[in-house]
N, C-alpha and C. Protein backbone atom coordinates (compact mmCIF):
# COMPACT_ATOMS: atom_id res chain seq x y z
N MET A 1 27.50 -27.74 -4.76
CA MET A 1 26.74 -26.81 -3.65
C MET A 1 25.29 -27.19 -4.46
N ASN A 2 24.53 -27.39 -3.40
CA ASN A 2 23.14 -27.39 -3.76
C ASN A 2 22.08 -26.25 -3.42
N ALA A 3 20.84 -26.24 -3.59
CA ALA A 3 20.22 -25.17 -3.58
C ALA A 3 20.04 -24.13 -2.22
N ASP A 4 19.75 -25.27 -1.18
CA ASP A 4 19.71 -24.69 0.00
C ASP A 4 21.25 -24.15 0.56
N GLN A 5 22.45 -24.83 -0.06
CA GLN A 5 23.80 -23.95 0.28
C GLN A 5 23.61 -22.78 -0.41
N ILE A 6 23.09 -22.39 -1.58
CA ILE A 6 23.39 -21.36 -2.31
C ILE A 6 22.53 -20.30 -1.65
N ALA A 7 21.20 -20.65 -1.59
CA ALA A 7 20.10 -19.78 -0.58
C ALA A 7 20.80 -19.44 0.85
N ALA A 8 21.43 -20.10 1.63
CA ALA A 8 22.33 -19.83 2.76
C ALA A 8 23.19 -18.58 2.62
N ALA A 9 24.01 -19.22 1.46
CA ALA A 9 24.96 -18.11 1.08
C ALA A 9 24.39 -16.50 0.66
N LEU A 10 23.50 -16.74 0.01
CA LEU A 10 22.68 -15.30 -0.25
C LEU A 10 22.01 -14.61 0.78
N ASP A 11 21.55 -15.55 1.78
CA ASP A 11 21.21 -15.14 2.99
C ASP A 11 22.35 -14.33 3.80
N ARG A 12 23.37 -14.79 3.70
CA ARG A 12 24.72 -14.30 4.71
C ARG A 12 25.09 -13.09 3.89
N THR A 13 25.28 -12.96 2.72
CA THR A 13 25.74 -11.75 1.84
C THR A 13 24.67 -10.76 1.98
N LEU A 14 23.33 -11.09 1.80
CA LEU A 14 22.31 -10.08 1.73
C LEU A 14 21.02 -10.46 3.00
N PRO A 15 21.38 -10.28 4.20
CA PRO A 15 20.26 -10.74 5.08
C PRO A 15 18.91 -10.13 4.64
N ASP A 16 18.03 -10.75 5.48
CA ASP A 16 16.34 -10.58 5.12
C ASP A 16 16.48 -9.28 6.03
N MET A 17 16.95 -8.90 7.18
CA MET A 17 16.83 -7.94 7.97
C MET A 17 17.46 -6.77 7.44
N GLN A 18 18.35 -6.77 6.57
CA GLN A 18 18.93 -5.41 6.07
C GLN A 18 18.04 -5.11 4.88
N VAL A 19 17.31 -5.95 4.20
CA VAL A 19 16.34 -5.79 2.96
C VAL A 19 15.09 -4.98 3.87
N LEU A 20 14.82 -5.56 4.94
CA LEU A 20 13.48 -5.14 5.22
C LEU A 20 13.82 -3.70 6.04
N ASP A 21 14.93 -3.62 6.63
CA ASP A 21 15.64 -2.13 7.11
C ASP A 21 15.66 -1.25 6.26
N ASP A 22 16.22 -1.59 4.94
CA ASP A 22 16.35 -0.66 3.79
C ASP A 22 15.05 -0.20 3.21
N LEU A 23 14.10 -1.06 3.09
CA LEU A 23 12.74 -0.87 2.70
C LEU A 23 11.96 0.02 3.64
N PHE A 24 11.87 -0.24 4.90
CA PHE A 24 11.41 0.66 6.08
C PHE A 24 11.68 1.95 5.99
N HIS A 25 13.26 2.24 5.85
CA HIS A 25 13.78 3.75 5.98
C HIS A 25 13.40 4.34 4.51
N ARG A 26 13.31 3.59 3.51
CA ARG A 26 13.13 4.34 2.27
C ARG A 26 11.33 4.59 2.30
N LEU A 27 10.79 3.85 2.80
CA LEU A 27 9.24 4.24 3.01
C LEU A 27 9.00 5.35 4.06
N ARG A 28 9.88 5.18 4.87
CA ARG A 28 9.61 6.48 6.06
C ARG A 28 10.18 7.81 5.38
N ARG A 29 11.26 7.75 4.55
CA ARG A 29 11.63 9.08 3.92
C ARG A 29 10.64 9.44 2.78
N LEU A 30 10.04 8.45 2.15
CA LEU A 30 8.89 8.81 1.21
C LEU A 30 7.82 9.54 1.98
N SER A 31 7.50 8.79 3.04
CA SER A 31 6.34 9.53 3.79
C SER A 31 6.32 10.83 4.10
N GLU A 32 7.67 11.04 4.56
CA GLU A 32 7.95 12.41 4.90
C GLU A 32 7.80 13.60 3.74
N THR A 33 8.07 13.13 2.65
CA THR A 33 8.07 13.82 1.28
C THR A 33 6.76 13.67 0.50
N ALA A 34 6.11 12.70 0.83
CA ALA A 34 4.93 12.33 -0.19
C ALA A 34 3.90 11.96 0.60
N GLY A 35 3.67 12.37 1.94
CA GLY A 35 2.37 12.36 2.58
C GLY A 35 1.90 10.90 2.68
N LYS A 36 2.90 10.03 2.90
CA LYS A 36 2.44 8.53 3.35
C LYS A 36 2.18 7.78 2.16
N SER A 37 2.52 8.20 0.95
CA SER A 37 1.94 7.51 -0.22
C SER A 37 3.61 6.99 -1.17
N VAL A 38 3.20 5.93 -1.87
CA VAL A 38 4.39 5.87 -2.74
C VAL A 38 3.83 5.66 -4.16
N GLU A 39 4.73 6.34 -5.37
CA GLU A 39 4.21 6.15 -6.40
C GLU A 39 4.65 4.68 -7.10
N VAL A 40 3.38 4.27 -7.69
CA VAL A 40 3.56 2.94 -8.08
C VAL A 40 3.42 2.95 -9.97
N GLY A 41 4.37 3.93 -10.39
CA GLY A 41 4.56 3.75 -11.82
C GLY A 41 3.33 4.68 -12.55
N ASP A 42 3.70 5.08 -13.67
CA ASP A 42 2.38 6.00 -14.54
C ASP A 42 1.30 6.70 -13.51
N ASP A 43 2.22 7.55 -12.60
CA ASP A 43 1.42 8.36 -11.97
C ASP A 43 0.55 8.04 -11.07
N LEU A 44 0.36 6.68 -10.67
CA LEU A 44 -0.51 6.02 -9.78
C LEU A 44 0.17 6.07 -8.22
N TRP A 45 -0.61 6.68 -7.60
CA TRP A 45 -0.13 6.37 -5.85
C TRP A 45 -0.92 5.54 -5.20
N ARG A 46 -0.14 5.22 -4.23
CA ARG A 46 -0.91 4.08 -3.12
C ARG A 46 -0.54 4.85 -1.65
N ALA A 47 -1.27 4.71 -0.84
CA ALA A 47 -0.96 5.18 0.45
C ALA A 47 -0.85 3.88 1.04
N VAL A 48 0.19 3.91 1.93
CA VAL A 48 0.89 2.95 2.76
C VAL A 48 0.97 3.37 4.04
N PRO A 49 0.20 2.68 5.01
CA PRO A 49 0.21 3.32 6.40
C PRO A 49 1.46 2.75 7.00
N ALA A 50 1.80 3.74 7.90
CA ALA A 50 3.07 3.41 8.86
C ALA A 50 2.61 1.83 9.46
N GLY A 51 3.66 0.94 9.53
CA GLY A 51 3.80 -0.03 10.01
C GLY A 51 3.14 -1.29 9.21
N ALA A 52 2.95 -0.86 7.93
CA ALA A 52 2.57 -1.86 7.01
C ALA A 52 3.62 -3.14 7.11
N SER A 53 2.91 -4.38 6.92
CA SER A 53 3.61 -5.63 6.77
C SER A 53 4.52 -5.59 5.68
N LEU A 54 5.92 -6.12 5.75
CA LEU A 54 6.70 -5.97 4.31
C LEU A 54 6.89 -7.58 4.39
N ASP A 55 6.54 -8.35 3.30
CA ASP A 55 6.86 -10.03 3.11
C ASP A 55 7.97 -9.65 2.01
N ILE A 56 8.90 -10.43 2.55
CA ILE A 56 9.93 -10.75 1.15
C ILE A 56 9.49 -11.80 0.47
N VAL A 57 9.51 -11.89 -1.07
CA VAL A 57 8.69 -12.65 -1.71
C VAL A 57 9.93 -13.69 -2.56
N THR A 58 10.83 -12.83 -3.10
CA THR A 58 11.96 -13.65 -3.70
C THR A 58 13.34 -12.46 -3.53
N LYS A 59 14.08 -13.27 -3.46
CA LYS A 59 15.46 -12.80 -3.27
C LYS A 59 16.44 -13.40 -4.26
N ALA A 60 17.05 -12.98 -5.08
CA ALA A 60 17.98 -13.28 -6.38
C ALA A 60 19.39 -12.70 -6.45
N PHE A 61 20.41 -13.48 -6.73
CA PHE A 61 21.55 -13.05 -7.27
C PHE A 61 21.74 -13.33 -8.73
N TYR A 62 22.10 -12.03 -9.33
CA TYR A 62 22.34 -12.29 -11.09
C TYR A 62 23.83 -12.19 -11.26
N LYS A 63 23.95 -13.23 -12.04
CA LYS A 63 25.56 -13.32 -12.72
C LYS A 63 25.41 -12.45 -14.12
N GLU A 64 26.12 -11.53 -14.40
CA GLU A 64 26.39 -10.80 -15.54
C GLU A 64 27.58 -11.48 -16.53
N TYR A 65 27.03 -11.90 -17.80
CA TYR A 65 28.40 -12.35 -18.48
C TYR A 65 28.79 -11.46 -19.21
N PHE A 66 28.00 -10.23 -19.34
CA PHE A 66 28.68 -9.12 -20.26
C PHE A 66 28.56 -7.83 -19.04
N GLU A 67 29.88 -7.15 -18.70
CA GLU A 67 29.86 -6.21 -18.06
C GLU A 67 28.91 -5.18 -18.45
N GLY A 68 28.40 -4.48 -17.24
CA GLY A 68 27.65 -3.35 -17.51
C GLY A 68 25.96 -3.64 -18.18
N VAL A 69 25.67 -4.81 -18.46
CA VAL A 69 24.35 -4.89 -19.39
C VAL A 69 23.21 -5.04 -18.22
N GLY A 70 23.76 -5.52 -17.24
CA GLY A 70 22.44 -5.57 -15.99
C GLY A 70 22.32 -4.32 -15.06
N PHE A 71 21.43 -4.21 -13.94
CA PHE A 71 21.39 -2.96 -13.42
C PHE A 71 21.58 -3.37 -11.96
N ALA A 72 21.79 -4.70 -11.38
CA ALA A 72 22.07 -4.75 -10.19
C ALA A 72 22.60 -6.42 -10.29
N THR A 73 23.42 -6.62 -8.94
CA THR A 73 23.75 -7.93 -8.61
C THR A 73 22.81 -8.80 -7.97
N TYR A 74 21.89 -8.14 -7.09
CA TYR A 74 21.07 -8.67 -6.39
C TYR A 74 19.73 -8.06 -6.65
N LYS A 75 18.40 -8.93 -6.50
CA LYS A 75 17.28 -8.27 -6.56
C LYS A 75 16.34 -8.87 -5.63
N VAL A 76 15.48 -7.97 -4.95
CA VAL A 76 14.83 -8.51 -3.84
C VAL A 76 13.11 -8.15 -4.22
N LEU A 77 12.15 -9.06 -4.12
CA LEU A 77 10.80 -8.63 -4.23
C LEU A 77 10.01 -8.29 -2.98
N VAL A 78 9.48 -7.39 -2.59
CA VAL A 78 8.81 -7.47 -1.35
C VAL A 78 7.48 -6.89 -1.69
N ALA A 79 6.61 -7.84 -0.95
CA ALA A 79 5.04 -7.50 -0.87
C ALA A 79 4.71 -6.51 0.13
N ILE A 80 4.41 -5.39 0.09
CA ILE A 80 4.08 -4.04 0.88
C ILE A 80 2.62 -4.49 1.22
N GLY A 81 2.46 -4.85 2.73
CA GLY A 81 1.01 -4.78 3.14
C GLY A 81 0.82 -6.42 3.18
N GLY A 82 1.79 -7.18 2.65
CA GLY A 82 1.38 -8.37 2.64
C GLY A 82 1.20 -9.19 1.76
N LEU A 83 1.65 -10.50 1.27
CA LEU A 83 1.43 -11.07 0.10
C LEU A 83 -0.29 -11.59 0.01
N GLN A 84 -0.92 -11.32 -0.84
CA GLN A 84 -2.24 -11.82 -1.14
C GLN A 84 -2.14 -12.94 -2.04
N ARG A 85 -2.16 -14.24 -1.64
CA ARG A 85 -1.99 -15.62 -2.66
C ARG A 85 -3.04 -15.57 -3.33
N SER A 86 -3.01 -16.11 -4.71
CA SER A 86 -4.04 -16.36 -5.45
C SER A 86 -3.86 -17.91 -6.07
N ASP A 87 -5.27 -18.68 -5.88
CA ASP A 87 -5.24 -19.94 -6.24
C ASP A 87 -4.74 -20.44 -7.80
N VAL A 88 -4.55 -19.05 -8.80
CA VAL A 88 -4.35 -19.25 -9.94
C VAL A 88 -3.31 -18.71 -10.27
N GLY A 89 -2.28 -18.44 -9.24
CA GLY A 89 -0.89 -17.75 -9.27
C GLY A 89 -0.97 -16.42 -9.60
N ALA A 90 -1.79 -15.40 -9.72
CA ALA A 90 -1.84 -13.97 -9.90
C ALA A 90 -1.82 -13.34 -8.26
N HIS A 91 -0.75 -13.61 -7.75
CA HIS A 91 -0.45 -13.16 -6.61
C HIS A 91 -0.52 -11.55 -6.33
N THR A 92 -1.09 -11.00 -5.40
CA THR A 92 -1.07 -9.46 -5.44
C THR A 92 -0.49 -9.14 -3.71
N ALA A 93 -0.13 -7.75 -3.76
CA ALA A 93 0.42 -7.23 -2.72
C ALA A 93 -1.08 -6.20 -1.92
N LYS A 94 -1.01 -6.19 -0.72
CA LYS A 94 -2.08 -5.28 -0.26
C LYS A 94 -2.11 -3.96 -0.54
N TYR A 95 -0.87 -3.50 -0.79
CA TYR A 95 -0.50 -2.12 -1.28
C TYR A 95 0.09 -1.93 -2.48
N CYS A 96 1.26 -2.68 -2.71
CA CYS A 96 1.90 -2.53 -3.89
C CYS A 96 3.15 -3.47 -3.41
N PHE A 97 4.07 -3.82 -4.62
CA PHE A 97 5.26 -4.44 -4.61
C PHE A 97 6.28 -3.22 -4.69
N ALA A 98 7.38 -3.79 -4.22
CA ALA A 98 8.81 -3.09 -4.11
C ALA A 98 9.89 -4.02 -4.50
N THR A 99 10.70 -3.60 -5.67
CA THR A 99 11.75 -4.24 -5.96
C THR A 99 12.84 -3.40 -5.80
N LEU A 100 14.09 -4.07 -4.63
CA LEU A 100 15.10 -3.40 -4.37
C LEU A 100 16.05 -4.03 -4.91
N HIS A 101 17.14 -3.09 -5.60
CA HIS A 101 18.27 -3.36 -6.34
C HIS A 101 19.64 -3.17 -5.59
N TYR A 102 20.41 -4.06 -5.56
CA TYR A 102 21.82 -4.02 -4.73
C TYR A 102 22.85 -4.45 -5.87
N ASP A 103 23.89 -3.53 -5.32
CA ASP A 103 25.11 -3.70 -6.15
C ASP A 103 25.99 -4.87 -5.46
N GLU A 104 26.98 -5.05 -6.09
CA GLU A 104 27.94 -6.54 -5.87
C GLU A 104 28.61 -6.39 -4.51
N GLU A 105 28.38 -5.20 -3.82
CA GLU A 105 28.78 -5.14 -2.41
C GLU A 105 27.56 -5.47 -1.30
N ALA A 106 26.18 -5.35 -2.06
CA ALA A 106 24.87 -5.87 -1.13
C ALA A 106 24.65 -4.45 -0.71
N GLN A 107 24.94 -3.47 -1.41
CA GLN A 107 24.61 -1.90 -0.84
C GLN A 107 23.39 -1.51 -2.14
N LEU A 108 22.29 -1.16 -1.26
CA LEU A 108 21.02 -0.84 -1.94
C LEU A 108 21.71 0.35 -3.07
N ILE A 109 21.10 0.20 -4.32
CA ILE A 109 21.26 1.10 -5.29
C ILE A 109 19.97 1.86 -5.34
N THR A 110 18.68 1.21 -5.66
CA THR A 110 17.29 1.97 -5.98
C THR A 110 16.21 1.22 -5.62
N THR A 111 15.19 1.55 -5.55
CA THR A 111 13.85 1.08 -5.17
C THR A 111 12.84 1.25 -6.22
N ASP A 112 12.06 0.24 -6.67
CA ASP A 112 10.87 0.45 -7.73
C ASP A 112 9.85 0.10 -6.86
N PHE A 113 8.76 0.70 -7.30
CA PHE A 113 7.38 0.40 -6.59
C PHE A 113 6.62 -0.08 -7.69
N HIS A 114 5.85 -1.04 -7.73
CA HIS A 114 5.03 -1.30 -8.60
C HIS A 114 3.56 -2.02 -8.31
N ALA A 115 2.61 -2.32 -9.18
CA ALA A 115 1.45 -2.60 -8.56
C ALA A 115 1.48 -4.49 -8.90
N ASP A 116 2.42 -4.62 -9.89
CA ASP A 116 2.06 -5.91 -10.39
C ASP A 116 3.17 -6.75 -9.93
N PHE A 117 2.88 -8.08 -9.78
CA PHE A 117 4.07 -9.23 -9.33
C PHE A 117 4.90 -9.40 -10.28
N ARG A 118 6.09 -8.88 -10.41
CA ARG A 118 7.32 -8.94 -11.23
C ARG A 118 8.30 -10.12 -10.66
């Protein structure tokens, strides 16, 4: 199996639209409780306007060799507000990044918001 086939299998298991829908609903719930802002670690809050673009940056499957040592089977990095590319590789997001963590059944476990590209 080559990289394209692996990527296609990953997309069948965890479709992009599912990820974007999960994040959209998470942001909507946060906006109802936090006034359209999301916490980005260390008590830093960023306002995210309704309808901000959501760009999937990476999507990965993690194989655990020891049961229970990892946090999720699938992880997806999304740039909220769009990915701002850098010539030197220090990419940023307009508002922040979100990492969505999924279990082995491709069900969302949790979402982490952070300022830096991880």
